[in-house]
């Protein structure tokens, strides 16, 4: 792992954009969980990364949600597995998946008009609902 993490063939996250620390895990591990720091806290410089362009960084911010800190670092915590290596692999896989999703631009929506049939069905449904509600009202003087 000399150049960082490989996202796609020929595309790597540089090591200077990553920080990781092992912390004590709240997950499985039995008595060992109190002694060994097996959970991984992975920090990725999402705001200044060279892997994504500006729209990609915006998409990553949307995908990351609460995991994106105020300082622009994406923080992932992996503690599902019992070993440091397993949690490291899990965190790196999750990070690469987030970046892959952020790299693909969403397909633009084509504006379409509702068909005549769908308009008629909508109006018929509204009339039927109007009739049901009208039956619920109190009878008037002339009824």
N, C-alpha and C. Protein backbone atom coordinates (compact mmCIF):
# COMPACT_ATOMS: atom_id res chain seq x y z
N UNK A 1 0.84 -1.18 0.00
CA UNK A 1 0.00 0.00 0.00
C UNK A 1 0.89 1.24 0.00
N UNK A 2 1.80 1.30 -0.91
CA UNK A 2 2.76 2.40 -0.93
C UNK A 2 2.17 3.67 -1.50
N UNK A 3 1.26 3.56 -2.47
CA UNK A 3 0.72 4.75 -3.12
C UNK A 3 -0.62 5.17 -2.54
N UNK A 4 -1.19 4.42 -1.65
CA UNK A 4 -2.49 4.74 -1.09
C UNK A 4 -3.45 3.60 -1.33
N UNK A 5 -4.70 3.93 -1.61
CA UNK A 5 -5.74 2.93 -1.85
C UNK A 5 -6.14 3.01 -3.32
N UNK A 6 -6.21 1.86 -3.97
CA UNK A 6 -6.64 1.83 -5.36
C UNK A 6 -8.16 1.80 -5.42
N UNK A 7 -8.73 2.77 -6.14
CA UNK A 7 -10.18 2.86 -6.30
C UNK A 7 -10.61 2.14 -7.56
N UNK A 8 -9.92 2.43 -8.63
CA UNK A 8 -10.16 1.83 -9.93
C UNK A 8 -8.79 1.57 -10.54
N UNK A 9 -8.73 0.76 -11.60
CA UNK A 9 -7.42 0.53 -12.22
C UNK A 9 -6.76 1.85 -12.64
N UNK A 10 -5.61 2.12 -12.07
CA UNK A 10 -4.87 3.33 -12.38
C UNK A 10 -5.28 4.55 -11.58
N UNK A 11 -6.25 4.44 -10.68
CA UNK A 11 -6.72 5.58 -9.87
C UNK A 11 -6.51 5.25 -8.40
N UNK A 12 -5.69 6.07 -7.74
CA UNK A 12 -5.32 5.84 -6.35
C UNK A 12 -5.65 7.05 -5.49
N UNK A 13 -5.99 6.78 -4.23
CA UNK A 13 -6.11 7.85 -3.23
C UNK A 13 -4.72 8.03 -2.64
N UNK A 14 -4.13 9.23 -2.72
CA UNK A 14 -2.80 9.43 -2.15
C UNK A 14 -2.81 9.26 -0.63
N UNK A 15 -1.71 8.79 -0.09
CA UNK A 15 -1.61 8.55 1.35
C UNK A 15 -1.75 9.83 2.17
N UNK A 16 -1.34 10.98 1.59
CA UNK A 16 -1.43 12.22 2.37
C UNK A 16 -2.87 12.70 2.54
N UNK A 17 -3.83 12.08 1.85
CA UNK A 17 -5.25 12.43 2.02
C UNK A 17 -5.94 11.49 2.99
N UNK A 18 -5.19 10.57 3.59
CA UNK A 18 -5.75 9.58 4.51
C UNK A 18 -5.07 9.67 5.87
N UNK A 19 -5.87 9.47 6.91
CA UNK A 19 -5.35 9.30 8.27
C UNK A 19 -6.14 8.16 8.88
N UNK A 20 -5.48 7.28 9.58
CA UNK A 20 -6.24 6.27 10.29
C UNK A 20 -5.62 5.97 11.64
N UNK A 21 -6.52 5.73 12.59
CA UNK A 21 -6.13 5.46 13.97
C UNK A 21 -6.94 4.26 14.45
N UNK A 22 -6.29 3.41 15.20
CA UNK A 22 -7.00 2.28 15.80
C UNK A 22 -7.46 2.69 17.18
N UNK A 23 -8.73 2.39 17.46
CA UNK A 23 -9.35 2.76 18.73
C UNK A 23 -10.01 1.52 19.32
N UNK A 24 -10.42 1.61 20.56
CA UNK A 24 -11.12 0.47 21.18
C UNK A 24 -12.49 0.32 20.55
N UNK A 25 -12.86 -0.91 20.34
CA UNK A 25 -14.07 -1.21 19.59
C UNK A 25 -15.26 -1.47 20.51
N UNK A 26 -16.44 -0.94 20.14
CA UNK A 26 -17.63 -1.30 20.89
C UNK A 26 -18.24 -2.59 20.39
N UNK A 27 -17.69 -3.15 19.32
CA UNK A 27 -18.25 -4.32 18.68
C UNK A 27 -17.82 -5.62 19.32
N UNK A 28 -17.91 -6.74 18.56
CA UNK A 28 -17.62 -8.06 19.11
C UNK A 28 -16.15 -8.21 19.46
N UNK A 29 -15.86 -9.14 20.35
CA UNK A 29 -14.47 -9.40 20.72
C UNK A 29 -14.34 -10.03 22.10
N UNK A 30 -15.44 -10.19 22.82
CA UNK A 30 -15.38 -10.82 24.14
C UNK A 30 -14.57 -9.98 25.11
N UNK A 31 -13.81 -10.65 25.96
CA UNK A 31 -12.99 -9.94 26.93
C UNK A 31 -11.86 -9.17 26.26
N UNK A 32 -11.48 -9.62 25.08
CA UNK A 32 -10.40 -8.99 24.33
C UNK A 32 -10.74 -7.55 23.93
N UNK A 33 -12.04 -7.25 23.83
CA UNK A 33 -12.46 -5.93 23.36
C UNK A 33 -12.00 -4.82 24.30
N UNK A 34 -11.79 -5.16 25.57
CA UNK A 34 -11.36 -4.15 26.54
C UNK A 34 -9.86 -3.92 26.54
N UNK A 35 -9.11 -4.79 25.85
CA UNK A 35 -7.65 -4.70 25.87
C UNK A 35 -7.05 -4.23 24.55
N UNK A 36 -7.70 -4.56 23.43
CA UNK A 36 -7.09 -4.36 22.12
C UNK A 36 -7.84 -3.28 21.35
N UNK A 37 -7.10 -2.40 20.72
CA UNK A 37 -7.70 -1.36 19.87
C UNK A 37 -7.85 -1.93 18.47
N UNK A 38 -9.01 -2.55 18.20
CA UNK A 38 -9.20 -3.21 16.91
C UNK A 38 -10.09 -2.42 15.96
N UNK A 39 -10.80 -1.42 16.44
CA UNK A 39 -11.65 -0.62 15.56
C UNK A 39 -10.79 0.42 14.84
N UNK A 40 -11.18 0.73 13.62
CA UNK A 40 -10.41 1.69 12.83
C UNK A 40 -11.24 2.95 12.60
N UNK A 41 -10.63 4.09 12.85
CA UNK A 41 -11.23 5.37 12.51
C UNK A 41 -10.43 5.91 11.33
N UNK A 42 -11.07 5.92 10.16
CA UNK A 42 -10.43 6.35 8.92
C UNK A 42 -10.89 7.76 8.60
N UNK A 43 -9.94 8.65 8.38
CA UNK A 43 -10.26 10.04 8.01
C UNK A 43 -9.74 10.28 6.60
N UNK A 44 -10.60 10.86 5.75
CA UNK A 44 -10.27 11.12 4.36
C UNK A 44 -10.51 12.60 4.08
N UNK A 45 -9.53 13.27 3.47
CA UNK A 45 -9.64 14.70 3.18
C UNK A 45 -10.56 14.91 1.99
N UNK A 46 -11.86 14.88 2.24
CA UNK A 46 -12.85 14.94 1.16
C UNK A 46 -12.91 16.33 0.51
N UNK A 47 -12.68 17.38 1.27
CA UNK A 47 -12.81 18.74 0.74
C UNK A 47 -11.67 19.11 -0.19
N UNK A 48 -10.50 18.49 -0.02
CA UNK A 48 -9.33 18.87 -0.81
C UNK A 48 -8.78 17.72 -1.64
N UNK A 49 -9.54 16.66 -1.81
CA UNK A 49 -9.03 15.49 -2.51
C UNK A 49 -8.75 15.77 -3.99
N UNK A 50 -7.72 15.12 -4.51
CA UNK A 50 -7.39 15.25 -5.93
C UNK A 50 -8.04 14.15 -6.75
N UNK A 51 -8.68 13.21 -6.09
CA UNK A 51 -9.32 12.08 -6.78
C UNK A 51 -10.62 12.51 -7.46
N UNK A 52 -11.30 13.49 -6.87
CA UNK A 52 -12.59 13.94 -7.39
C UNK A 52 -12.51 15.38 -7.87
N UNK A 53 -13.32 15.71 -8.87
CA UNK A 53 -13.44 17.10 -9.29
C UNK A 53 -14.45 17.80 -8.36
N UNK A 54 -14.71 19.08 -8.59
CA UNK A 54 -15.59 19.85 -7.70
C UNK A 54 -17.00 19.26 -7.62
N UNK A 55 -17.66 18.92 -8.76
CA UNK A 55 -19.00 18.30 -8.64
C UNK A 55 -18.94 16.96 -7.92
N UNK A 56 -17.87 16.22 -8.12
CA UNK A 56 -17.72 14.94 -7.42
C UNK A 56 -17.59 15.12 -5.93
N UNK A 57 -16.87 16.17 -5.51
CA UNK A 57 -16.75 16.45 -4.07
C UNK A 57 -18.10 16.83 -3.49
N UNK A 58 -18.91 17.56 -4.26
CA UNK A 58 -20.27 17.90 -3.81
C UNK A 58 -21.12 16.65 -3.65
N UNK A 59 -21.03 15.73 -4.64
CA UNK A 59 -21.79 14.48 -4.55
C UNK A 59 -21.33 13.65 -3.35
N UNK A 60 -20.01 13.63 -3.11
CA UNK A 60 -19.48 12.89 -1.96
C UNK A 60 -20.00 13.48 -0.65
N UNK A 61 -20.08 14.80 -0.58
CA UNK A 61 -20.60 15.44 0.64
C UNK A 61 -22.05 15.03 0.87
N UNK A 62 -22.82 14.94 -0.20
CA UNK A 62 -24.21 14.50 -0.06
C UNK A 62 -24.31 13.05 0.35
N UNK A 63 -23.46 12.20 -0.21
CA UNK A 63 -23.48 10.78 0.14
C UNK A 63 -22.99 10.54 1.56
N UNK A 64 -22.03 11.34 2.01
CA UNK A 64 -21.42 11.12 3.32
C UNK A 64 -22.36 11.50 4.45
N UNK A 65 -23.14 12.56 4.28
CA UNK A 65 -24.08 12.97 5.32
C UNK A 65 -23.37 13.39 6.59
N UNK A 66 -23.76 12.77 7.71
CA UNK A 66 -23.19 13.14 9.02
C UNK A 66 -21.74 12.74 9.16
N UNK A 67 -21.27 11.85 8.31
CA UNK A 67 -19.88 11.39 8.44
C UNK A 67 -18.88 12.44 7.97
N UNK A 68 -19.35 13.49 7.33
CA UNK A 68 -18.47 14.57 6.88
C UNK A 68 -18.37 15.61 7.99
N UNK A 69 -17.16 15.80 8.50
CA UNK A 69 -16.95 16.74 9.61
C UNK A 69 -16.91 18.17 9.09
N UNK A 70 -16.98 19.13 10.00
CA UNK A 70 -16.97 20.55 9.65
C UNK A 70 -15.67 20.95 8.95
N UNK A 71 -14.56 20.29 9.28
CA UNK A 71 -13.27 20.65 8.71
C UNK A 71 -13.04 20.04 7.32
N UNK A 72 -14.05 19.37 6.76
CA UNK A 72 -13.94 18.82 5.42
C UNK A 72 -13.37 17.41 5.36
N UNK A 73 -13.20 16.77 6.49
CA UNK A 73 -12.69 15.39 6.53
C UNK A 73 -13.86 14.43 6.67
N UNK A 74 -13.85 13.38 5.88
CA UNK A 74 -14.84 12.32 5.95
C UNK A 74 -14.33 11.30 6.97
N UNK A 75 -15.14 10.99 7.98
CA UNK A 75 -14.72 10.09 9.06
C UNK A 75 -15.55 8.81 8.99
N UNK A 76 -14.86 7.68 8.76
CA UNK A 76 -15.50 6.37 8.75
C UNK A 76 -14.95 5.57 9.93
N UNK A 77 -15.84 4.91 10.66
CA UNK A 77 -15.42 4.07 11.77
C UNK A 77 -15.84 2.64 11.45
N UNK A 78 -14.87 1.72 11.50
CA UNK A 78 -15.15 0.32 11.22
C UNK A 78 -14.86 -0.49 12.48
N UNK A 79 -15.90 -1.18 12.98
CA UNK A 79 -15.72 -1.99 14.19
C UNK A 79 -16.54 -3.26 14.14
N UNK A 80 -16.98 -3.66 12.93
CA UNK A 80 -17.82 -4.85 12.82
C UNK A 80 -17.03 -6.14 13.02
N UNK A 81 -15.75 -6.12 12.67
CA UNK A 81 -14.94 -7.34 12.74
C UNK A 81 -14.03 -7.32 13.96
N UNK A 82 -13.46 -8.48 14.28
CA UNK A 82 -12.68 -8.60 15.51
C UNK A 82 -11.21 -8.23 15.35
N UNK A 83 -10.73 -8.12 14.12
CA UNK A 83 -9.30 -7.87 13.91
C UNK A 83 -9.07 -6.50 13.30
N UNK A 84 -7.87 -5.97 13.55
CA UNK A 84 -7.50 -4.69 12.94
C UNK A 84 -7.49 -4.80 11.43
N UNK A 85 -6.93 -5.88 10.90
CA UNK A 85 -6.84 -6.04 9.45
C UNK A 85 -8.23 -6.14 8.81
N UNK A 86 -9.13 -6.86 9.45
CA UNK A 86 -10.49 -6.98 8.93
C UNK A 86 -11.20 -5.64 8.92
N UNK A 87 -11.05 -4.87 10.00
CA UNK A 87 -11.68 -3.56 10.08
C UNK A 87 -11.04 -2.58 9.11
N UNK A 88 -9.74 -2.70 8.89
CA UNK A 88 -9.05 -1.85 7.92
C UNK A 88 -9.61 -2.12 6.51
N UNK A 89 -9.72 -3.39 6.17
CA UNK A 89 -10.26 -3.77 4.86
C UNK A 89 -11.70 -3.27 4.69
N UNK A 90 -12.51 -3.42 5.76
CA UNK A 90 -13.91 -2.99 5.72
C UNK A 90 -14.01 -1.47 5.50
N UNK A 91 -13.21 -0.70 6.23
CA UNK A 91 -13.25 0.77 6.10
C UNK A 91 -12.79 1.20 4.71
N UNK A 92 -11.73 0.59 4.20
CA UNK A 92 -11.22 0.95 2.87
C UNK A 92 -12.23 0.59 1.79
N UNK A 93 -12.91 -0.54 1.93
CA UNK A 93 -13.94 -0.92 0.95
C UNK A 93 -15.09 0.07 0.97
N UNK A 94 -15.52 0.48 2.17
CA UNK A 94 -16.61 1.45 2.26
C UNK A 94 -16.22 2.79 1.67
N UNK A 95 -14.97 3.22 1.92
CA UNK A 95 -14.50 4.48 1.37
C UNK A 95 -14.43 4.42 -0.16
N UNK A 96 -13.88 3.34 -0.70
CA UNK A 96 -13.78 3.24 -2.16
C UNK A 96 -15.16 3.19 -2.80
N UNK A 97 -16.12 2.55 -2.15
CA UNK A 97 -17.48 2.50 -2.70
C UNK A 97 -18.11 3.90 -2.71
N UNK A 98 -17.91 4.66 -1.63
CA UNK A 98 -18.43 6.03 -1.59
C UNK A 98 -17.81 6.88 -2.71
N UNK A 99 -16.52 6.74 -2.92
CA UNK A 99 -15.85 7.54 -3.94
C UNK A 99 -16.29 7.11 -5.34
N UNK A 100 -16.47 5.80 -5.54
CA UNK A 100 -16.96 5.33 -6.85
C UNK A 100 -18.34 5.92 -7.14
N UNK A 101 -19.21 5.93 -6.15
CA UNK A 101 -20.55 6.50 -6.34
C UNK A 101 -20.47 7.99 -6.62
N UNK A 102 -19.56 8.70 -5.95
CA UNK A 102 -19.44 10.15 -6.14
C UNK A 102 -18.84 10.49 -7.50
N UNK A 103 -18.05 9.58 -8.06
CA UNK A 103 -17.43 9.84 -9.36
C UNK A 103 -18.42 9.77 -10.52
N UNK A 104 -19.49 8.99 -10.37
CA UNK A 104 -20.46 8.87 -11.45
C UNK A 104 -21.52 9.95 -11.32
N UNK A 105 -21.64 10.75 -12.35
CA UNK A 105 -22.64 11.83 -12.35
C UNK A 105 -24.03 11.23 -12.57
N UNK A 106 -25.04 11.75 -11.87
CA UNK A 106 -26.39 11.23 -12.06
C UNK A 106 -26.90 11.56 -13.46
N UNK A 107 -27.71 10.68 -13.99
CA UNK A 107 -28.29 10.88 -15.31
C UNK A 107 -29.28 12.04 -15.24
N UNK A 108 -29.16 13.03 -16.13
CA UNK A 108 -30.09 14.17 -16.06
C UNK A 108 -31.52 13.74 -16.40
N UNK A 109 -32.46 14.31 -15.70
CA UNK A 109 -33.86 13.98 -15.90
C UNK A 109 -34.39 14.71 -17.11
N UNK A 110 -35.11 13.97 -17.95
CA UNK A 110 -35.77 14.60 -19.10
C UNK A 110 -37.18 14.98 -18.69
N UNK A 111 -37.52 16.24 -18.91
CA UNK A 111 -38.86 16.70 -18.56
C UNK A 111 -39.87 16.10 -19.54
N UNK A 112 -40.92 15.50 -19.01
CA UNK A 112 -41.96 14.93 -19.85
C UNK A 112 -43.31 15.47 -19.41
N UNK A 113 -44.27 15.41 -20.33
CA UNK A 113 -45.61 15.87 -19.99
C UNK A 113 -46.47 14.67 -19.67
N UNK A 114 -47.44 14.83 -18.76
CA UNK A 114 -48.33 13.70 -18.46
C UNK A 114 -49.19 13.38 -19.68
N UNK A 115 -49.47 12.10 -19.86
CA UNK A 115 -50.30 11.70 -21.01
C UNK A 115 -51.74 12.12 -20.77
N UNK A 116 -52.50 12.15 -21.85
CA UNK A 116 -53.91 12.53 -21.74
C UNK A 116 -54.66 11.54 -20.85
N UNK A 117 -54.35 10.26 -21.01
CA UNK A 117 -55.01 9.23 -20.19
C UNK A 117 -54.73 9.42 -18.71
N UNK A 118 -53.48 9.74 -18.36
CA UNK A 118 -53.16 9.93 -16.95
C UNK A 118 -53.85 11.17 -16.39
N UNK A 119 -53.98 12.21 -17.21
CA UNK A 119 -54.70 13.41 -16.77
C UNK A 119 -56.16 13.10 -16.50
N UNK A 120 -56.79 12.33 -17.42
CA UNK A 120 -58.21 11.96 -17.23
C UNK A 120 -58.38 11.09 -15.99
N UNK A 121 -57.48 10.13 -15.78
CA UNK A 121 -57.57 9.28 -14.58
C UNK A 121 -57.44 10.11 -13.31
N UNK A 122 -56.56 11.10 -13.33
CA UNK A 122 -56.37 11.97 -12.16
C UNK A 122 -57.65 12.75 -11.87
N UNK A 123 -58.24 13.32 -12.90
CA UNK A 123 -59.46 14.11 -12.72
C UNK A 123 -60.61 13.21 -12.26
N UNK A 124 -60.72 11.99 -12.81
CA UNK A 124 -61.77 11.06 -12.39
C UNK A 124 -61.60 10.69 -10.91
N UNK A 125 -60.36 10.46 -10.50
CA UNK A 125 -60.10 10.15 -9.09
C UNK A 125 -60.49 11.30 -8.18
N UNK A 126 -60.22 12.51 -8.62
CA UNK A 126 -60.60 13.69 -7.82
C UNK A 126 -62.12 13.81 -7.72
N UNK A 127 -62.82 13.54 -8.82
CA UNK A 127 -64.28 13.62 -8.79
C UNK A 127 -64.88 12.56 -7.88
N UNK A 128 -64.29 11.36 -7.93
CA UNK A 128 -64.79 10.27 -7.09
C UNK A 128 -64.56 10.62 -5.62
N UNK A 129 -63.40 11.15 -5.30
CA UNK A 129 -63.09 11.54 -3.93
C UNK A 129 -64.02 12.67 -3.47
N UNK A 130 -64.31 13.60 -4.38
CA UNK A 130 -65.21 14.70 -4.08
C UNK A 130 -66.60 14.16 -3.71
N UNK A 131 -67.04 13.15 -4.47
CA UNK A 131 -68.35 12.55 -4.19
C UNK A 131 -68.39 11.87 -2.84
N UNK A 132 -67.33 11.15 -2.48
CA UNK A 132 -67.26 10.48 -1.19
C UNK A 132 -67.33 11.50 -0.07
N UNK A 133 -66.60 12.59 -0.20
CA UNK A 133 -66.60 13.62 0.84
C UNK A 133 -67.94 14.34 0.92
N UNK A 134 -68.57 14.50 -0.23
CA UNK A 134 -69.88 15.17 -0.24
C UNK A 134 -70.91 14.33 0.52
N UNK A 135 -70.83 12.99 0.42
CA UNK A 135 -71.76 12.12 1.13
C UNK A 135 -71.56 12.20 2.65
N UNK A 136 -70.41 12.61 3.09
CA UNK A 136 -70.13 12.70 4.53
C UNK A 136 -70.70 13.96 5.16
N UNK A 137 -71.07 14.94 4.35
CA UNK A 137 -71.54 16.20 4.93
C UNK A 137 -72.96 16.06 5.46
N UNK A 138 -73.35 16.99 6.29
CA UNK A 138 -74.69 17.02 6.86
C UNK A 138 -75.68 17.44 5.78
N UNK A 139 -76.82 16.84 5.76
CA UNK A 139 -77.81 17.25 4.75
C UNK A 139 -78.23 18.71 4.97
N UNK A 140 -78.37 19.44 3.88
CA UNK A 140 -78.77 20.84 3.97
C UNK A 140 -80.29 20.97 4.05
N UNK A 141 -80.78 22.20 3.98
CA UNK A 141 -82.20 22.48 4.08
C UNK A 141 -82.94 21.92 2.86
N UNK A 142 -82.37 22.09 1.68
CA UNK A 142 -83.04 21.67 0.46
C UNK A 142 -82.83 20.19 0.14
N UNK A 143 -82.12 19.42 0.96
CA UNK A 143 -81.91 17.98 0.70
C UNK A 143 -82.93 17.13 1.37
